[in-house]
Amino acid sequence: MAGYSADQATASNAAPDRLEFVIPSVIARMHDLLRELVSLLEARGIAGPNSDIILALDEAIANAIKHGNHEDPSKSVHVLVEFQKDEVIFTITDEGDGFDLSALPDPTDPSCLMRTCGRGVMLIYHVMDEVEYSPRGNQVRMRKRAER
């Protein structure tokens, strides 16, 4: 699978297990990309269609669109997918100002339990094997081993 024709995707000739997708900050485009990623993960035997990996990707990409780029369609979200033996690494970057991870409220705090948002980052950490945010806070790198 060479690319994602709806927007932009490239596959490096030197590293066929590395794909980069670039989408505008539009939620509908995120859903198209997630369908493509499900197909890629299934084909590689990394995860099935109901995998928690898709939930974590949904959260990370939605955060980039909504909170990073403020749903500005002139700004892009970059998704790098690197397949390695029995694992995959996703790097999601937005064009926003970033955020301070340590400033996020604890979603398990009783005062936050009724909030309708604020659990995405916790979910990402729970689902993925490794998660690392850039110092600026506009990029997340997530590693997941195959679920077999």
C-alpha atoms as a PDB file:
ATOM      1  CA  MET A   1       0.000   0.000   0.000  1.00  0.00           C
ATOM      2  CA  ALA A   2       1.880   2.979  -1.235  1.00  0.00           C
ATOM      3  CA  GLY A   3      -0.097   5.899   0.030  1.00  0.00           C
ATOM      4  CA  TYR A   4      -3.097   7.852   1.031  1.00  0.00           C
ATOM      5  CA  SER A   5      -4.526   9.479  -2.044  1.00  0.00           C
ATOM      6  CA  ALA A   6      -7.077  11.727  -0.332  1.00  0.00           C
ATOM      7  CA  ASP A   7      -4.365  14.132   0.768  1.00  0.00           C
ATOM      8  CA  GLN A   8      -0.681  13.336   0.727  1.00  0.00           C
ATOM      9  CA  ALA A   9       1.310  10.244   1.582  1.00  0.00           C
ATOM     10  CA  THR A  10       4.803   9.219   0.706  1.00  0.00           C
ATOM     11  CA  ALA A  11       6.678   5.987   1.056  1.00  0.00           C
ATOM     12  CA  SER A  12      10.431   6.255   1.190  1.00  0.00           C
ATOM     13  CA  ASN A  13      12.187   4.035  -1.367  1.00  0.00           C
ATOM     14  CA  ALA A  14      15.040   3.422   1.059  1.00  0.00           C
ATOM     15  CA  ALA A  15      12.694   2.395   3.882  1.00  0.00           C
ATOM     16  CA  PRO A  16       9.474   0.799   2.563  1.00  0.00           C
ATOM     17  CA  ASP A  17       8.292   0.312   6.125  1.00  0.00           C
ATOM     18  CA  ARG A  18       8.047   4.059   6.671  1.00  0.00           C
ATOM     19  CA  LEU A  19       4.977   5.999   5.564  1.00  0.00           C
ATOM     20  CA  GLU A  20       4.134   9.643   6.085  1.00  0.00           C
ATOM     21  CA  PHE A  21       0.626  11.051   5.882  1.00  0.00           C
ATOM     22  CA  VAL A  22      -0.252  14.728   5.845  1.00  0.00           C
ATOM     23  CA  ILE A  23      -3.859  15.806   6.362  1.00  0.00           C
ATOM     24  CA  PRO A  24      -5.514  19.175   6.899  1.00  0.00           C
ATOM     25  CA  SER A  25      -6.933  19.840  10.358  1.00  0.00           C
ATOM     26  CA  VAL A  26     -10.389  18.538   9.468  1.00  0.00           C
ATOM     27  CA  ILE A  27     -11.997  15.737  11.499  1.00  0.00           C
ATOM     28  CA  ALA A  28     -13.505  14.063   8.400  1.00  0.00           C
ATOM     29  CA  ARG A  29      -9.994  13.655   6.961  1.00  0.00           C
ATOM     30  CA  MET A  30      -8.895  12.098  10.255  1.00  0.00           C
ATOM     31  CA  HIS A  31     -11.558   9.394   9.863  1.00  0.00           C
ATOM     32  CA  ASP A  32     -10.340   8.633   6.326  1.00  0.00           C
ATOM     33  CA  LEU A  33      -6.783   8.344   7.594  1.00  0.00           C
ATOM     34  CA  LEU A  34      -7.805   6.072  10.479  1.00  0.00           C
ATOM     35  CA  ARG A  35      -9.474   3.681   8.009  1.00  0.00           C
ATOM     36  CA  GLU A  36      -6.225   3.582   6.031  1.00  0.00           C
ATOM     37  CA  LEU A  37      -4.200   2.951   9.189  1.00  0.00           C
ATOM     38  CA  VAL A  38      -6.524   0.094  10.230  1.00  0.00           C
ATOM     39  CA  SER A  39      -5.864  -1.563   6.868  1.00  0.00           C
ATOM     40  CA  LEU A  40      -2.119  -1.125   7.245  1.00  0.00           C
ATOM     41  CA  LEU A  41      -2.091  -2.521  10.789  1.00  0.00           C
ATOM     42  CA  GLU A  42      -4.216  -5.510   9.790  1.00  0.00           C
ATOM     43  CA  ALA A  43      -2.048  -6.261   6.750  1.00  0.00           C
ATOM     44  CA  ARG A  44       1.078  -6.231   8.924  1.00  0.00           C
ATOM     45  CA  GLY A  45      -0.492  -8.405  11.609  1.00  0.00           C
ATOM     46  CA  ILE A  46       0.008  -5.681  14.213  1.00  0.00           C
ATOM     47  CA  ALA A  47      -3.643  -5.167  15.167  1.00  0.00           C
ATOM     48  CA  GLY A  48      -7.216  -5.946  14.185  1.00  0.00           C
ATOM     49  CA  PRO A  49     -10.051  -3.536  13.344  1.00  0.00           C
ATOM     50  CA  ASN A  50     -11.241  -3.283  16.965  1.00  0.00           C
ATOM     51  CA  SER A  51      -7.801  -2.715  18.428  1.00  0.00           C
ATOM     52  CA  ASP A  52      -7.197  -0.173  21.159  1.00  0.00           C
ATOM     53  CA  ILE A  53      -4.363   1.139  18.977  1.00  0.00           C
ATOM     54  CA  ILE A  54      -6.977   2.756  16.731  1.00  0.00           C
ATOM     55  CA  LEU A  55      -8.574   4.406  19.768  1.00  0.00           C
ATOM     56  CA  ALA A  56      -5.200   5.834  20.834  1.00  0.00           C
ATOM     57  CA  LEU A  57      -4.487   7.059  17.284  1.00  0.00           C
ATOM     58  CA  ASP A  58      -7.929   8.641  17.131  1.00  0.00           C
ATOM     59  CA  GLU A  59      -7.222  10.513  20.369  1.00  0.00           C
ATOM     60  CA  ALA A  60      -3.742  11.650  19.337  1.00  0.00           C
ATOM     61  CA  ILE A  61      -4.798  12.846  15.880  1.00  0.00           C
ATOM     62  CA  ALA A  62      -7.974  14.495  17.218  1.00  0.00           C
ATOM     63  CA  ASN A  63      -5.884  16.307  19.854  1.00  0.00           C
ATOM     64  CA  ALA A  64      -3.551  17.557  17.113  1.00  0.00           C
ATOM     65  CA  ILE A  65      -6.485  18.785  15.020  1.00  0.00           C
ATOM     66  CA  LYS A  66      -8.624  20.261  17.797  1.00  0.00           C
ATOM     67  CA  HIS A  67      -6.171  21.475  20.428  1.00  0.00           C
ATOM     68  CA  GLY A  68      -2.952  21.854  18.438  1.00  0.00           C
ATOM     69  CA  ASN A  69      -4.197  23.365  15.194  1.00  0.00           C
ATOM     70  CA  HIS A  70      -7.559  24.623  16.530  1.00  0.00           C
ATOM     71  CA  GLU A  71      -9.334  22.961  13.568  1.00  0.00           C
ATOM     72  CA  ASP A  72      -7.706  25.428  11.181  1.00  0.00           C
ATOM     73  CA  PRO A  73      -7.885  23.636   7.795  1.00  0.00           C
ATOM     74  CA  SER A  74      -4.904  25.659   6.554  1.00  0.00           C
ATOM     75  CA  LYS A  75      -2.745  23.850   9.129  1.00  0.00           C
ATOM     76  CA  SER A  76      -1.682  20.248   8.706  1.00  0.00           C
ATOM     77  CA  VAL A  77      -1.245  17.201  10.893  1.00  0.00           C
ATOM     78  CA  HIS A  78       1.692  14.968  10.005  1.00  0.00           C
ATOM     79  CA  VAL A  79       1.525  11.269  10.836  1.00  0.00           C
ATOM     80  CA  LEU A  80       4.652   9.179  10.440  1.00  0.00           C
ATOM     81  CA  VAL A  81       4.214   5.402  10.640  1.00  0.00           C
ATOM     82  CA  GLU A  82       7.307   3.232  11.032  1.00  0.00           C
ATOM     83  CA  PHE A  83       6.885  -0.523  10.928  1.00  0.00           C
ATOM     84  CA  GLN A  84       9.595  -2.519  12.616  1.00  0.00           C
ATOM     85  CA  LYS A  85       9.784  -6.189  13.480  1.00  0.00           C
ATOM     86  CA  ASP A  86       6.657  -6.951  15.552  1.00  0.00           C
ATOM     87  CA  GLU A  87       5.950  -3.318  16.416  1.00  0.00           C
ATOM     88  CA  VAL A  88       4.925   0.016  14.987  1.00  0.00           C
ATOM     89  CA  ILE A  89       5.917   3.570  15.900  1.00  0.00           C
ATOM     90  CA  PHE A  90       3.600   6.511  15.225  1.00  0.00           C
ATOM     91  CA  THR A  91       4.789  10.115  15.322  1.00  0.00           C
ATOM     92  CA  ILE A  92       2.021  12.708  15.165  1.00  0.00           C
ATOM     93  CA  THR A  93       2.950  16.368  14.774  1.00  0.00           C
ATOM     94  CA  ASP A  94       0.731  19.427  14.571  1.00  0.00           C
ATOM     95  CA  GLU A  95       1.568  23.005  13.620  1.00  0.00           C
ATOM     96  CA  GLY A  96       0.304  24.532  16.862  1.00  0.00           C
ATOM     97  CA  ASP A  97       2.101  26.147  19.767  1.00  0.00           C
ATOM     98  CA  GLY A  98       2.183  22.940  21.797  1.00  0.00           C
ATOM     99  CA  PHE A  99       1.278  22.420  25.430  1.00  0.00           C
ATOM    100  CA  ASP A 100       2.799  21.612  28.798  1.00  0.00           C
ATOM    101  CA  LEU A 101       2.050  17.962  29.575  1.00  0.00           C
ATOM    102  CA  SER A 102       2.670  18.532  33.290  1.00  0.00           C
ATOM    103  CA  ALA A 103      -0.040  21.227  33.366  1.00  0.00           C
ATOM    104  CA  LEU A 104      -2.837  18.847  32.358  1.00  0.00           C
ATOM    105  CA  PRO A 105      -5.313  18.158  35.159  1.00  0.00           C
ATOM    106  CA  ASP A 106      -5.457  14.615  36.526  1.00  0.00           C
ATOM    107  CA  PRO A 107      -8.545  13.048  34.904  1.00  0.00           C
ATOM    108  CA  THR A 108      -8.936  10.671  37.871  1.00  0.00           C
ATOM    109  CA  ASP A 109      -9.222  13.558  40.340  1.00  0.00           C
ATOM    110  CA  PRO A 110     -12.800  13.622  41.714  1.00  0.00           C
ATOM    111  CA  SER A 111     -13.211  17.235  40.595  1.00  0.00           C
ATOM    112  CA  CYS A 112     -12.527  16.161  36.975  1.00  0.00           C
ATOM    113  CA  LEU A 113     -14.680  13.040  36.784  1.00  0.00           C
ATOM    114  CA  MET A 114     -17.717  14.757  35.283  1.00  0.00           C
ATOM    115  CA  ARG A 115     -15.768  16.629  32.626  1.00  0.00           C
ATOM    116  CA  THR A 116     -16.613  15.651  29.050  1.00  0.00           C
ATOM    117  CA  CYS A 117     -12.978  15.854  27.925  1.00  0.00           C
ATOM    118  CA  GLY A 118      -9.482  15.500  29.308  1.00  0.00           C
ATOM    119  CA  ARG A 119      -8.953  11.743  29.291  1.00  0.00           C
ATOM    120  CA  GLY A 120      -7.287  11.319  25.902  1.00  0.00           C
ATOM    121  CA  VAL A 121      -3.676  11.626  27.011  1.00  0.00           C
ATOM    122  CA  MET A 122      -4.270   9.177  29.868  1.00  0.00           C
ATOM    123  CA  LEU A 123      -5.867   6.744  27.424  1.00  0.00           C
ATOM    124  CA  ILE A 124      -2.909   7.019  25.044  1.00  0.00           C
ATOM    125  CA  TYR A 125      -0.478   6.198  27.869  1.00  0.00           C
ATOM    126  CA  HIS A 126      -2.660   3.256  28.904  1.00  0.00           C
ATOM    127  CA  VAL A 127      -2.926   1.732  25.410  1.00  0.00           C
ATOM    128  CA  MET A 128       0.542   2.277  23.978  1.00  0.00           C
ATOM    129  CA  ASP A 129       3.716   0.564  25.157  1.00  0.00           C
ATOM    130  CA  GLU A 130       5.766   3.785  25.042  1.00  0.00           C
ATOM    131  CA  VAL A 131       4.658   7.409  24.739  1.00  0.00           C
ATOM    132  CA  GLU A 132       6.881  10.471  24.477  1.00  0.00           C
ATOM    133  CA  TYR A 133       5.867  14.090  23.920  1.00  0.00           C
ATOM    134  CA  SER A 134       8.278  16.616  22.454  1.00  0.00           C
ATOM    135  CA  PRO A 135       9.468  19.358  24.825  1.00  0.00           C
ATOM    136  CA  ARG A 136       7.387  21.865  22.866  1.00  0.00           C
ATOM    137  CA  GLY A 137       4.314  19.633  23.164  1.00  0.00           C
ATOM    138  CA  ASN A 138       3.236  19.638  19.526  1.00  0.00           C
ATOM    139  CA  GLN A 139       4.469  16.113  18.755  1.00  0.00           C
ATOM    140  CA  VAL A 140       3.780  12.712  20.277  1.00  0.00           C
ATOM    141  CA  ARG A 141       5.725   9.531  19.529  1.00  0.00           C
ATOM    142  CA  MET A 142       3.943   6.272  20.375  1.00  0.00           C
ATOM    143  CA  ARG A 143       5.273   2.719  20.172  1.00  0.00           C
ATOM    144  CA  LYS A 144       3.107  -0.407  20.173  1.00  0.00           C
ATOM    145  CA  ARG A 145       4.175  -4.026  19.956  1.00  0.00           C
ATOM    146  CA  ALA A 146       2.089  -6.480  17.924  1.00  0.00           C
ATOM    147  CA  GLU A 147      -0.978  -7.793  19.757  1.00  0.00           C
ATOM    148  CA  ARG A 148      -0.637 -11.387  18.585  1.00  0.00           C
END
